[in-house]
Amino acid sequence: MTDILAGLATGLPLLVMHFLITAILLVVGVGLHALLTPMKERELVAAGNTAAAVSLSAATLGLALPLGATLATAQTVLDILIWGAIGVVVQVAIFTIARLIAPSLPSRIEKGDMAAAITLAGWQIAIGLLNAAALVG
């Protein structure tokens, strides 16, 4: 029992620190996504735009996937910061690439077009999964 408590005393603070760093990276990633997105997804969601909600949720999930993989495999805080930042940059870049491939997606999502939102969501989640797998190696 003493070994368990000693392990908990050393492991729990590390777990909390790793989780908080990863959560901060997620918030930064969502913030970068919001800055680089021509549409104001949060405002659209607040106004009841379901397509924007799908898009924002998929962007968040797409960011969380590689961050979760990084958190699961990282050995140090520096690992989390470096590989988590790389995962965030890749995910944020996806929206830019998607806009080049299909430039009408943002305006269609602003109008509530679920087909556009689901298409973008699929791309974001698929890339998030690939990104996570690549980070795990």
N, C-alpha and C. Protein backbone atom coordinates (compact mmCIF):
# COMPACT_ATOMS: atom_id res chain seq x y z
N MET A 1 0.82 -1.19 0.00
CA MET A 1 0.00 0.00 0.00
C MET A 1 0.87 1.26 0.00
N THR A 2 1.97 1.20 0.73
CA THR A 2 2.87 2.34 0.81
C THR A 2 3.47 2.64 -0.57
N ASP A 3 3.80 1.59 -1.33
CA ASP A 3 4.35 1.78 -2.67
C ASP A 3 3.34 2.45 -3.59
N ILE A 4 2.08 2.06 -3.45
CA ILE A 4 1.02 2.66 -4.27
C ILE A 4 0.89 4.15 -3.95
N LEU A 5 0.88 4.48 -2.67
CA LEU A 5 0.76 5.88 -2.27
C LEU A 5 1.98 6.69 -2.69
N ALA A 6 3.16 6.10 -2.60
CA ALA A 6 4.38 6.79 -3.03
C ALA A 6 4.34 7.03 -4.53
N GLY A 7 3.90 6.03 -5.29
CA GLY A 7 3.76 6.19 -6.74
C GLY A 7 2.74 7.25 -7.10
N LEU A 8 1.66 7.27 -6.35
CA LEU A 8 0.63 8.28 -6.57
C LEU A 8 1.16 9.67 -6.27
N ALA A 9 1.93 9.80 -5.21
CA ALA A 9 2.46 11.10 -4.80
C ALA A 9 3.41 11.67 -5.85
N THR A 10 4.15 10.81 -6.52
CA THR A 10 5.06 11.31 -7.56
C THR A 10 4.39 11.36 -8.93
N GLY A 11 3.51 10.42 -9.20
CA GLY A 11 2.89 10.33 -10.52
C GLY A 11 1.75 11.30 -10.76
N LEU A 12 0.95 11.55 -9.75
CA LEU A 12 -0.22 12.41 -9.92
C LEU A 12 0.14 13.84 -10.33
N PRO A 13 1.11 14.47 -9.69
CA PRO A 13 1.47 15.83 -10.14
C PRO A 13 1.96 15.85 -11.59
N LEU A 14 2.69 14.81 -11.99
CA LEU A 14 3.17 14.72 -13.36
C LEU A 14 2.01 14.54 -14.33
N LEU A 15 1.07 13.69 -13.97
CA LEU A 15 -0.12 13.49 -14.79
C LEU A 15 -0.89 14.80 -14.97
N VAL A 16 -1.09 15.51 -13.88
CA VAL A 16 -1.83 16.78 -13.94
C VAL A 16 -1.08 17.79 -14.81
N MET A 17 0.24 17.87 -14.64
CA MET A 17 1.03 18.80 -15.44
C MET A 17 0.96 18.45 -16.93
N HIS A 18 1.11 17.17 -17.26
CA HIS A 18 1.04 16.76 -18.67
C HIS A 18 -0.34 17.06 -19.26
N PHE A 19 -1.38 16.76 -18.48
CA PHE A 19 -2.73 17.04 -18.95
C PHE A 19 -2.95 18.53 -19.19
N LEU A 20 -2.52 19.35 -18.23
CA LEU A 20 -2.72 20.81 -18.36
C LEU A 20 -1.95 21.38 -19.56
N ILE A 21 -0.74 20.92 -19.77
CA ILE A 21 0.03 21.39 -20.93
C ILE A 21 -0.68 21.00 -22.23
N THR A 22 -1.18 19.78 -22.28
CA THR A 22 -1.89 19.33 -23.48
C THR A 22 -3.19 20.11 -23.66
N ALA A 23 -3.90 20.37 -22.59
CA ALA A 23 -5.13 21.16 -22.67
C ALA A 23 -4.83 22.58 -23.16
N ILE A 24 -3.73 23.15 -22.70
CA ILE A 24 -3.35 24.49 -23.17
C ILE A 24 -3.03 24.46 -24.66
N LEU A 25 -2.32 23.41 -25.11
CA LEU A 25 -2.05 23.28 -26.55
C LEU A 25 -3.36 23.16 -27.34
N LEU A 26 -4.34 22.46 -26.79
CA LEU A 26 -5.63 22.34 -27.47
C LEU A 26 -6.31 23.71 -27.57
N VAL A 27 -6.30 24.46 -26.50
CA VAL A 27 -6.91 25.80 -26.51
C VAL A 27 -6.19 26.71 -27.51
N VAL A 28 -4.86 26.64 -27.52
CA VAL A 28 -4.08 27.42 -28.48
C VAL A 28 -4.43 27.01 -29.91
N GLY A 29 -4.53 25.70 -30.15
CA GLY A 29 -4.89 25.21 -31.47
C GLY A 29 -6.26 25.68 -31.92
N VAL A 30 -7.24 25.60 -31.03
CA VAL A 30 -8.59 26.07 -31.37
C VAL A 30 -8.56 27.58 -31.60
N GLY A 31 -7.77 28.29 -30.81
CA GLY A 31 -7.63 29.74 -31.01
C GLY A 31 -7.00 30.07 -32.36
N LEU A 32 -5.96 29.34 -32.75
CA LEU A 32 -5.34 29.54 -34.06
C LEU A 32 -6.33 29.23 -35.18
N HIS A 33 -7.06 28.15 -34.99
CA HIS A 33 -8.10 27.80 -35.97
C HIS A 33 -9.10 28.95 -36.12
N ALA A 34 -9.52 29.51 -35.00
CA ALA A 34 -10.49 30.61 -35.04
C ALA A 34 -9.90 31.84 -35.73
N LEU A 35 -8.62 32.11 -35.50
CA LEU A 35 -7.98 33.27 -36.13
C LEU A 35 -7.82 33.10 -37.64
N LEU A 36 -7.56 31.88 -38.07
CA LEU A 36 -7.29 31.62 -39.49
C LEU A 36 -8.54 31.28 -40.30
N THR A 37 -9.64 31.10 -39.62
CA THR A 37 -10.88 30.76 -40.28
C THR A 37 -11.61 32.04 -40.67
N PRO A 38 -11.99 32.16 -41.94
CA PRO A 38 -12.67 33.39 -42.35
C PRO A 38 -14.04 33.57 -41.71
N MET A 39 -14.65 32.47 -41.30
CA MET A 39 -15.96 32.57 -40.65
C MET A 39 -15.78 32.63 -39.15
N LYS A 40 -16.71 33.22 -38.48
CA LYS A 40 -16.69 33.34 -37.03
C LYS A 40 -17.54 32.20 -36.45
N GLU A 41 -16.93 31.02 -36.34
CA GLU A 41 -17.68 29.82 -35.96
C GLU A 41 -18.38 29.96 -34.61
N ARG A 42 -17.71 30.53 -33.63
CA ARG A 42 -18.35 30.66 -32.31
C ARG A 42 -19.61 31.51 -32.37
N GLU A 43 -19.53 32.61 -33.10
CA GLU A 43 -20.71 33.47 -33.26
C GLU A 43 -21.80 32.73 -34.02
N LEU A 44 -21.42 32.00 -35.06
CA LEU A 44 -22.40 31.24 -35.84
C LEU A 44 -23.06 30.16 -34.99
N VAL A 45 -22.26 29.49 -34.16
CA VAL A 45 -22.81 28.47 -33.27
C VAL A 45 -23.79 29.12 -32.28
N ALA A 46 -23.40 30.25 -31.72
CA ALA A 46 -24.27 30.95 -30.78
C ALA A 46 -25.59 31.36 -31.42
N ALA A 47 -25.54 31.60 -32.74
CA ALA A 47 -26.75 31.98 -33.48
C ALA A 47 -27.56 30.76 -33.93
N GLY A 48 -27.06 29.56 -33.61
CA GLY A 48 -27.82 28.35 -33.94
C GLY A 48 -27.44 27.70 -35.26
N ASN A 49 -26.29 28.05 -35.81
CA ASN A 49 -25.85 27.47 -37.09
C ASN A 49 -25.25 26.09 -36.82
N THR A 50 -26.01 25.05 -37.14
CA THR A 50 -25.57 23.68 -36.90
C THR A 50 -24.35 23.31 -37.72
N ALA A 51 -24.28 23.79 -38.94
CA ALA A 51 -23.12 23.49 -39.79
C ALA A 51 -21.83 24.03 -39.17
N ALA A 52 -21.90 25.21 -38.60
CA ALA A 52 -20.73 25.79 -37.93
C ALA A 52 -20.38 24.98 -36.69
N ALA A 53 -21.37 24.49 -35.99
CA ALA A 53 -21.13 23.66 -34.80
C ALA A 53 -20.42 22.36 -35.19
N VAL A 54 -20.85 21.76 -36.29
CA VAL A 54 -20.19 20.54 -36.78
C VAL A 54 -18.75 20.84 -37.14
N SER A 55 -18.53 21.93 -37.85
CA SER A 55 -17.19 22.32 -38.28
C SER A 55 -16.27 22.60 -37.10
N LEU A 56 -16.74 23.37 -36.14
CA LEU A 56 -15.94 23.71 -34.97
C LEU A 56 -15.67 22.48 -34.11
N SER A 57 -16.66 21.64 -33.95
CA SER A 57 -16.48 20.41 -33.17
C SER A 57 -15.46 19.49 -33.83
N ALA A 58 -15.53 19.36 -35.15
CA ALA A 58 -14.58 18.51 -35.87
C ALA A 58 -13.17 19.09 -35.80
N ALA A 59 -13.06 20.40 -35.87
CA ALA A 59 -11.74 21.03 -35.74
C ALA A 59 -11.15 20.74 -34.36
N THR A 60 -11.98 20.83 -33.33
CA THR A 60 -11.52 20.56 -31.97
C THR A 60 -11.12 19.09 -31.83
N LEU A 61 -11.94 18.19 -32.34
CA LEU A 61 -11.63 16.77 -32.29
C LEU A 61 -10.38 16.46 -33.10
N GLY A 62 -10.28 17.06 -34.29
CA GLY A 62 -9.10 16.86 -35.12
C GLY A 62 -7.83 17.31 -34.43
N LEU A 63 -7.91 18.37 -33.64
CA LEU A 63 -6.76 18.84 -32.86
C LEU A 63 -6.49 17.92 -31.66
N ALA A 64 -7.53 17.43 -31.04
CA ALA A 64 -7.38 16.60 -29.85
C ALA A 64 -6.76 15.23 -30.17
N LEU A 65 -7.02 14.71 -31.35
CA LEU A 65 -6.48 13.38 -31.69
C LEU A 65 -4.96 13.33 -31.66
N PRO A 66 -4.25 14.19 -32.38
CA PRO A 66 -2.79 14.12 -32.29
C PRO A 66 -2.26 14.55 -30.92
N LEU A 67 -2.95 15.45 -30.25
CA LEU A 67 -2.52 15.84 -28.91
C LEU A 67 -2.66 14.67 -27.94
N GLY A 68 -3.74 13.92 -28.08
CA GLY A 68 -3.93 12.74 -27.23
C GLY A 68 -2.85 11.70 -27.49
N ALA A 69 -2.50 11.50 -28.77
CA ALA A 69 -1.43 10.55 -29.10
C ALA A 69 -0.10 11.02 -28.52
N THR A 70 0.15 12.30 -28.60
CA THR A 70 1.38 12.86 -28.04
C THR A 70 1.40 12.66 -26.53
N LEU A 71 0.30 12.94 -25.89
CA LEU A 71 0.21 12.79 -24.44
C LEU A 71 0.44 11.33 -24.03
N ALA A 72 -0.10 10.41 -24.81
CA ALA A 72 0.02 8.99 -24.47
C ALA A 72 1.44 8.46 -24.66
N THR A 73 2.21 9.06 -25.55
CA THR A 73 3.53 8.51 -25.86
C THR A 73 4.70 9.36 -25.38
N ALA A 74 4.45 10.57 -24.96
CA ALA A 74 5.53 11.48 -24.56
C ALA A 74 6.20 11.00 -23.29
N GLN A 75 7.49 11.23 -23.23
CA GLN A 75 8.26 10.88 -22.04
C GLN A 75 8.51 12.09 -21.15
N THR A 76 8.52 13.27 -21.76
CA THR A 76 8.84 14.48 -21.00
C THR A 76 7.88 15.60 -21.39
N VAL A 77 7.91 16.66 -20.60
CA VAL A 77 7.12 17.85 -20.91
C VAL A 77 7.58 18.44 -22.24
N LEU A 78 8.88 18.41 -22.49
CA LEU A 78 9.40 18.94 -23.75
C LEU A 78 8.87 18.14 -24.93
N ASP A 79 8.77 16.83 -24.80
CA ASP A 79 8.16 16.00 -25.86
C ASP A 79 6.74 16.47 -26.16
N ILE A 80 5.98 16.68 -25.11
CA ILE A 80 4.59 17.11 -25.28
C ILE A 80 4.55 18.46 -26.00
N LEU A 81 5.39 19.39 -25.56
CA LEU A 81 5.38 20.72 -26.16
C LEU A 81 5.79 20.68 -27.63
N ILE A 82 6.87 19.98 -27.95
CA ILE A 82 7.36 19.96 -29.33
C ILE A 82 6.41 19.20 -30.24
N TRP A 83 6.12 17.94 -29.91
CA TRP A 83 5.28 17.12 -30.78
C TRP A 83 3.83 17.58 -30.77
N GLY A 84 3.37 18.10 -29.63
CA GLY A 84 2.01 18.65 -29.59
C GLY A 84 1.89 19.88 -30.48
N ALA A 85 2.90 20.74 -30.44
CA ALA A 85 2.90 21.93 -31.30
C ALA A 85 2.93 21.53 -32.77
N ILE A 86 3.72 20.53 -33.10
CA ILE A 86 3.75 20.05 -34.50
C ILE A 86 2.39 19.52 -34.90
N GLY A 87 1.76 18.75 -34.03
CA GLY A 87 0.42 18.24 -34.33
C GLY A 87 -0.59 19.35 -34.54
N VAL A 88 -0.51 20.39 -33.72
CA VAL A 88 -1.42 21.54 -33.86
C VAL A 88 -1.18 22.26 -35.18
N VAL A 89 0.08 22.49 -35.53
CA VAL A 89 0.40 23.19 -36.78
C VAL A 89 -0.14 22.41 -37.98
N VAL A 90 0.03 21.09 -37.98
CA VAL A 90 -0.47 20.27 -39.08
C VAL A 90 -1.98 20.40 -39.18
N GLN A 91 -2.67 20.30 -38.06
CA GLN A 91 -4.13 20.38 -38.08
C GLN A 91 -4.62 21.74 -38.54
N VAL A 92 -4.01 22.79 -38.07
CA VAL A 92 -4.43 24.14 -38.47
C VAL A 92 -4.16 24.35 -39.96
N ALA A 93 -3.07 23.77 -40.44
CA ALA A 93 -2.75 23.88 -41.87
C ALA A 93 -3.79 23.18 -42.73
N ILE A 94 -4.43 22.16 -42.20
CA ILE A 94 -5.43 21.41 -42.97
C ILE A 94 -6.57 22.30 -43.42
N PHE A 95 -7.03 23.18 -42.54
CA PHE A 95 -8.13 24.05 -42.94
C PHE A 95 -7.71 24.96 -44.08
N THR A 96 -6.48 25.44 -44.03
CA THR A 96 -5.97 26.29 -45.11
C THR A 96 -5.93 25.52 -46.42
N ILE A 97 -5.45 24.29 -46.36
CA ILE A 97 -5.39 23.44 -47.56
C ILE A 97 -6.80 23.14 -48.06
N ALA A 98 -7.71 22.85 -47.14
CA ALA A 98 -9.10 22.57 -47.52
C ALA A 98 -9.72 23.76 -48.23
N ARG A 99 -9.37 24.97 -47.77
CA ARG A 99 -9.89 26.19 -48.41
C ARG A 99 -9.35 26.33 -49.83
N LEU A 100 -8.12 25.88 -50.06
CA LEU A 100 -7.56 25.94 -51.41
C LEU A 100 -8.23 24.91 -52.31
N ILE A 101 -8.51 23.74 -51.77
CA ILE A 101 -9.15 22.67 -52.54
C ILE A 101 -10.62 23.00 -52.80
N ALA A 102 -11.28 23.49 -51.79
CA ALA A 102 -12.72 23.80 -51.90
C ALA A 102 -12.97 25.17 -51.27
N PRO A 103 -12.68 26.24 -52.01
CA PRO A 103 -12.77 27.59 -51.44
C PRO A 103 -14.17 28.02 -51.00
N SER A 104 -15.19 27.32 -51.46
CA SER A 104 -16.55 27.72 -51.09
C SER A 104 -16.99 27.15 -49.74
N LEU A 105 -16.20 26.25 -49.15
CA LEU A 105 -16.64 25.62 -47.89
C LEU A 105 -16.98 26.62 -46.79
N PRO A 106 -16.11 27.59 -46.48
CA PRO A 106 -16.46 28.51 -45.38
C PRO A 106 -17.77 29.27 -45.61
N SER A 107 -17.97 29.78 -46.80
CA SER A 107 -19.21 30.54 -47.04
C SER A 107 -20.42 29.62 -47.01
N ARG A 108 -20.25 28.40 -47.47
CA ARG A 108 -21.37 27.44 -47.42
C ARG A 108 -21.71 27.08 -45.97
N ILE A 109 -20.68 26.93 -45.14
CA ILE A 109 -20.91 26.62 -43.72
C ILE A 109 -21.59 27.81 -43.04
N GLU A 110 -21.17 29.02 -43.38
CA GLU A 110 -21.82 30.22 -42.82
C GLU A 110 -23.31 30.23 -43.13
N LYS A 111 -23.68 29.70 -44.30
CA LYS A 111 -25.09 29.66 -44.71
C LYS A 111 -25.83 28.45 -44.13
N GLY A 112 -25.11 27.63 -43.36
CA GLY A 112 -25.77 26.49 -42.72
C GLY A 112 -25.76 25.23 -43.55
N ASP A 113 -24.92 25.14 -44.57
CA ASP A 113 -24.87 23.99 -45.46
C ASP A 113 -24.21 22.81 -44.74
N MET A 114 -25.01 21.83 -44.34
CA MET A 114 -24.50 20.68 -43.61
C MET A 114 -23.59 19.81 -44.47
N ALA A 115 -23.84 19.73 -45.76
CA ALA A 115 -22.98 18.92 -46.62
C ALA A 115 -21.55 19.46 -46.59
N ALA A 116 -21.41 20.77 -46.63
CA ALA A 116 -20.07 21.38 -46.56
C ALA A 116 -19.44 21.13 -45.20
N ALA A 117 -20.22 21.26 -44.15
CA ALA A 117 -19.70 21.07 -42.79
C ALA A 117 -19.25 19.63 -42.58
N ILE A 118 -20.03 18.69 -43.05
CA ILE A 118 -19.69 17.27 -42.88
C ILE A 118 -18.46 16.91 -43.71
N THR A 119 -18.35 17.48 -44.89
CA THR A 119 -17.17 17.24 -45.72
C THR A 119 -15.92 17.74 -45.02
N LEU A 120 -15.97 18.97 -44.54
CA LEU A 120 -14.82 19.53 -43.83
C LEU A 120 -14.54 18.75 -42.56
N ALA A 121 -15.58 18.36 -41.84
CA ALA A 121 -15.41 17.59 -40.61
C ALA A 121 -14.71 16.27 -40.90
N GLY A 122 -15.11 15.62 -41.96
CA GLY A 122 -14.47 14.36 -42.33
C GLY A 122 -12.99 14.54 -42.61
N TRP A 123 -12.65 15.60 -43.34
CA TRP A 123 -11.24 15.87 -43.63
C TRP A 123 -10.46 16.14 -42.34
N GLN A 124 -11.04 16.95 -41.47
CA GLN A 124 -10.34 17.31 -40.23
C GLN A 124 -10.11 16.10 -39.33
N ILE A 125 -11.10 15.26 -39.20
CA ILE A 125 -10.97 14.08 -38.35
C ILE A 125 -10.02 13.05 -38.99
N ALA A 126 -10.14 12.86 -40.30
CA ALA A 126 -9.25 11.91 -40.99
C ALA A 126 -7.79 12.35 -40.86
N ILE A 127 -7.53 13.61 -41.08
CA ILE A 127 -6.16 14.11 -40.95
C ILE A 127 -5.70 14.03 -39.50
N GLY A 128 -6.61 14.29 -38.56
CA GLY A 128 -6.27 14.16 -37.14
C GLY A 128 -5.85 12.73 -36.80
N LEU A 129 -6.56 11.75 -37.35
CA LEU A 129 -6.20 10.35 -37.10
C LEU A 129 -4.84 10.02 -37.70
N LEU A 130 -4.62 10.44 -38.95
CA LEU A 130 -3.32 10.20 -39.59
C LEU A 130 -2.20 10.92 -38.85
N ASN A 131 -2.46 12.14 -38.47
CA ASN A 131 -1.50 12.94 -37.73
C ASN A 131 -1.15 12.25 -36.41
N ALA A 132 -2.17 11.77 -35.71
CA ALA A 132 -1.95 11.06 -34.43
C ALA A 132 -1.11 9.81 -34.64
N ALA A 133 -1.43 9.05 -35.68
CA ALA A 133 -0.67 7.82 -35.94
C ALA A 133 0.77 8.13 -36.30
N ALA A 134 0.98 9.19 -37.06
CA ALA A 134 2.35 9.57 -37.43
C ALA A 134 3.14 10.02 -36.20
N LEU A 135 2.49 10.71 -35.30
CA LEU A 135 3.16 11.18 -34.08
C LEU A 135 3.52 10.01 -33.16
N VAL A 136 2.69 8.98 -33.16
CA VAL A 136 2.97 7.81 -32.33
C VAL A 136 4.13 7.01 -32.94
N GLY A 137 4.22 7.04 -34.28
CA GLY A 137 5.33 6.41 -34.98
C GLY A 137 5.18 4.96 -35.09
